[in-house]
Amino acid sequence: MGRWVGGTMPEAARGCSDITDLYGEAFGVPPVGRRVFIRTRQLINGWEDDFKETWADVPPPGQPGS
């Protein structure tokens, strides 16, 4: 089971927030080929959404998404 890391996501650019640095600070840089999981939840004016889980495989350097 992963660790909980609270906080606010960075400002979105073109609909996406880059959380690479936040993830690296909390868990370290994952090795190439490792699958990482991220759980997010919206908090708007006291209303809380259900958690959404997203995952991705870590690409080699120079590949799209790296």
N, C-alpha and C. Protein backbone atom coordinates (compact mmCIF):
# COMPACT_ATOMS: atom_id res chain seq x y z
N MET A 1 0.84 -1.18 0.00
CA MET A 1 0.00 0.00 0.00
C MET A 1 0.89 1.24 0.00
N GLY A 2 0.50 2.24 -0.77
CA GLY A 2 1.28 3.47 -0.88
C GLY A 2 1.08 4.38 0.31
N ARG A 3 1.84 5.44 0.30
CA ARG A 3 1.74 6.45 1.35
C ARG A 3 0.81 7.56 0.91
N TRP A 4 0.16 8.19 1.88
CA TRP A 4 -0.70 9.34 1.57
C TRP A 4 0.16 10.59 1.61
N VAL A 5 0.01 11.40 0.59
CA VAL A 5 0.70 12.68 0.52
C VAL A 5 -0.36 13.73 0.24
N GLY A 6 -0.61 14.59 1.19
CA GLY A 6 -1.62 15.61 1.00
C GLY A 6 -1.06 16.84 0.30
N GLY A 7 -1.93 17.60 -0.26
CA GLY A 7 -1.49 18.83 -0.89
C GLY A 7 -2.35 19.20 -2.07
N THR A 8 -2.04 20.35 -2.60
CA THR A 8 -2.77 20.87 -3.75
C THR A 8 -1.94 20.65 -5.00
N MET A 9 -2.61 20.25 -6.06
CA MET A 9 -1.90 20.05 -7.32
C MET A 9 -1.49 21.40 -7.91
N PRO A 10 -0.41 21.40 -8.68
CA PRO A 10 0.02 22.64 -9.32
C PRO A 10 -1.02 23.12 -10.33
N GLU A 11 -0.94 24.40 -10.68
CA GLU A 11 -1.83 24.98 -11.68
C GLU A 11 -1.75 24.19 -12.98
N ALA A 12 -2.90 23.94 -13.58
CA ALA A 12 -2.95 23.18 -14.83
C ALA A 12 -2.54 24.04 -16.02
N ALA A 13 -1.86 23.42 -16.96
CA ALA A 13 -1.51 24.06 -18.23
C ALA A 13 -2.07 23.17 -19.34
N ARG A 14 -2.96 23.71 -20.14
CA ARG A 14 -3.63 22.95 -21.19
C ARG A 14 -4.32 21.70 -20.64
N GLY A 15 -4.90 21.83 -19.45
CA GLY A 15 -5.69 20.76 -18.87
C GLY A 15 -4.92 19.73 -18.06
N CYS A 16 -3.61 19.90 -17.89
CA CYS A 16 -2.80 18.93 -17.16
C CYS A 16 -1.95 19.62 -16.11
N SER A 17 -1.75 18.94 -14.99
CA SER A 17 -0.86 19.42 -13.93
C SER A 17 0.37 18.52 -13.90
N ASP A 18 1.54 19.11 -13.92
CA ASP A 18 2.79 18.35 -13.86
C ASP A 18 3.13 18.10 -12.40
N ILE A 19 3.02 16.84 -11.97
CA ILE A 19 3.29 16.49 -10.58
C ILE A 19 4.60 15.72 -10.43
N THR A 20 5.44 15.76 -11.45
CA THR A 20 6.70 15.01 -11.44
C THR A 20 7.54 15.34 -10.22
N ASP A 21 7.75 16.63 -9.95
CA ASP A 21 8.59 17.02 -8.81
C ASP A 21 7.95 16.63 -7.48
N LEU A 22 6.64 16.84 -7.34
CA LEU A 22 5.95 16.46 -6.10
C LEU A 22 6.06 14.96 -5.85
N TYR A 23 5.86 14.17 -6.89
CA TYR A 23 5.95 12.71 -6.76
C TYR A 23 7.37 12.31 -6.36
N GLY A 24 8.36 12.89 -7.05
CA GLY A 24 9.75 12.56 -6.75
C GLY A 24 10.16 12.91 -5.33
N GLU A 25 9.69 14.06 -4.83
CA GLU A 25 10.00 14.46 -3.46
C GLU A 25 9.37 13.50 -2.44
N ALA A 26 8.17 13.02 -2.73
CA ALA A 26 7.46 12.15 -1.79
C ALA A 26 7.94 10.70 -1.83
N PHE A 27 8.23 10.19 -3.03
CA PHE A 27 8.50 8.76 -3.18
C PHE A 27 9.84 8.43 -3.82
N GLY A 28 10.56 9.44 -4.30
CA GLY A 28 11.78 9.18 -5.04
C GLY A 28 11.46 8.97 -6.52
N VAL A 29 12.49 8.98 -7.34
CA VAL A 29 12.28 8.80 -8.77
C VAL A 29 12.11 7.32 -9.06
N PRO A 30 10.98 6.92 -9.65
CA PRO A 30 10.78 5.49 -9.92
C PRO A 30 11.64 5.03 -11.09
N PRO A 31 12.08 3.78 -11.07
CA PRO A 31 12.90 3.27 -12.17
C PRO A 31 12.09 3.11 -13.46
N VAL A 32 12.80 3.15 -14.58
CA VAL A 32 12.16 2.95 -15.89
C VAL A 32 11.43 1.61 -15.90
N GLY A 33 10.23 1.62 -16.43
CA GLY A 33 9.41 0.41 -16.53
C GLY A 33 8.52 0.16 -15.32
N ARG A 34 8.76 0.87 -14.22
CA ARG A 34 7.94 0.71 -13.02
C ARG A 34 6.58 1.34 -13.25
N ARG A 35 5.54 0.77 -12.74
CA ARG A 35 4.20 1.34 -12.83
C ARG A 35 3.94 2.16 -11.58
N VAL A 36 3.49 3.39 -11.76
CA VAL A 36 3.15 4.25 -10.63
C VAL A 36 1.65 4.49 -10.61
N PHE A 37 1.11 4.61 -9.41
CA PHE A 37 -0.32 4.83 -9.22
C PHE A 37 -0.51 6.14 -8.47
N ILE A 38 -1.50 6.90 -8.90
CA ILE A 38 -1.81 8.18 -8.27
C ILE A 38 -3.30 8.24 -8.03
N ARG A 39 -3.68 8.60 -6.80
CA ARG A 39 -5.10 8.77 -6.47
C ARG A 39 -5.36 10.24 -6.23
N THR A 40 -6.39 10.75 -6.89
CA THR A 40 -6.76 12.16 -6.73
C THR A 40 -8.23 12.28 -6.36
N ARG A 41 -8.56 13.44 -5.81
CA ARG A 41 -9.95 13.71 -5.44
C ARG A 41 -10.16 15.22 -5.50
N GLN A 42 -11.28 15.63 -6.09
CA GLN A 42 -11.61 17.05 -6.15
C GLN A 42 -12.18 17.52 -4.81
N LEU A 43 -11.78 18.69 -4.40
CA LEU A 43 -12.33 19.35 -3.23
C LEU A 43 -12.75 20.74 -3.68
N ILE A 44 -14.05 21.00 -3.72
CA ILE A 44 -14.57 22.27 -4.20
C ILE A 44 -15.57 22.82 -3.19
N ASN A 45 -15.23 23.93 -2.56
CA ASN A 45 -16.14 24.59 -1.60
C ASN A 45 -16.73 23.62 -0.58
N GLY A 46 -15.88 22.75 -0.03
CA GLY A 46 -16.34 21.81 0.98
C GLY A 46 -16.90 20.51 0.44
N TRP A 47 -17.15 20.43 -0.87
CA TRP A 47 -17.65 19.20 -1.49
C TRP A 47 -16.48 18.33 -1.88
N GLU A 48 -16.57 17.02 -1.61
CA GLU A 48 -15.49 16.08 -1.94
C GLU A 48 -16.00 15.05 -2.93
N ASP A 49 -15.25 14.86 -3.99
CA ASP A 49 -15.53 13.85 -5.00
C ASP A 49 -14.98 12.50 -4.51
N ASP A 50 -15.35 11.42 -5.18
CA ASP A 50 -14.75 10.12 -4.91
C ASP A 50 -13.31 10.12 -5.44
N PHE A 51 -12.46 9.26 -4.87
CA PHE A 51 -11.10 9.13 -5.36
C PHE A 51 -11.11 8.57 -6.77
N LYS A 52 -10.20 9.06 -7.59
CA LYS A 52 -9.97 8.54 -8.93
C LYS A 52 -8.54 8.02 -8.95
N GLU A 53 -8.34 6.81 -9.45
CA GLU A 53 -6.99 6.25 -9.52
C GLU A 53 -6.50 6.28 -10.96
N THR A 54 -5.28 6.74 -11.13
CA THR A 54 -4.64 6.82 -12.44
C THR A 54 -3.31 6.10 -12.33
N TRP A 55 -2.89 5.45 -13.39
CA TRP A 55 -1.59 4.80 -13.38
C TRP A 55 -0.88 5.02 -14.71
N ALA A 56 0.43 4.87 -14.67
CA ALA A 56 1.25 4.98 -15.88
C ALA A 56 2.55 4.22 -15.66
N ASP A 57 3.11 3.72 -16.75
CA ASP A 57 4.43 3.09 -16.71
C ASP A 57 5.48 4.17 -16.95
N VAL A 58 6.58 4.11 -16.22
CA VAL A 58 7.65 5.10 -16.36
C VAL A 58 8.40 4.82 -17.66
N PRO A 59 8.42 5.82 -18.57
CA PRO A 59 9.08 5.61 -19.86
C PRO A 59 10.60 5.82 -19.76
N PRO A 60 11.33 5.28 -20.72
CA PRO A 60 12.78 5.57 -20.77
C PRO A 60 13.01 7.05 -21.05
N PRO A 61 14.16 7.59 -20.66
CA PRO A 61 14.45 8.99 -20.96
C PRO A 61 14.33 9.27 -22.46
N GLY A 62 13.77 10.44 -22.79
CA GLY A 62 13.63 10.83 -24.17
C GLY A 62 12.36 10.33 -24.85
N GLN A 63 11.60 9.47 -24.17
CA GLN A 63 10.35 8.98 -24.72
C GLN A 63 9.22 9.93 -24.37
N PRO A 64 8.13 9.95 -25.15
CA PRO A 64 6.98 10.79 -24.80
C PRO A 64 6.51 10.50 -23.37
N GLY A 65 6.24 11.56 -22.62
CA GLY A 65 5.78 11.42 -21.25
C GLY A 65 6.92 11.42 -20.24
N SER A 66 8.16 11.46 -20.72
CA SER A 66 9.28 11.46 -19.77
C SER A 66 9.77 12.86 -19.53
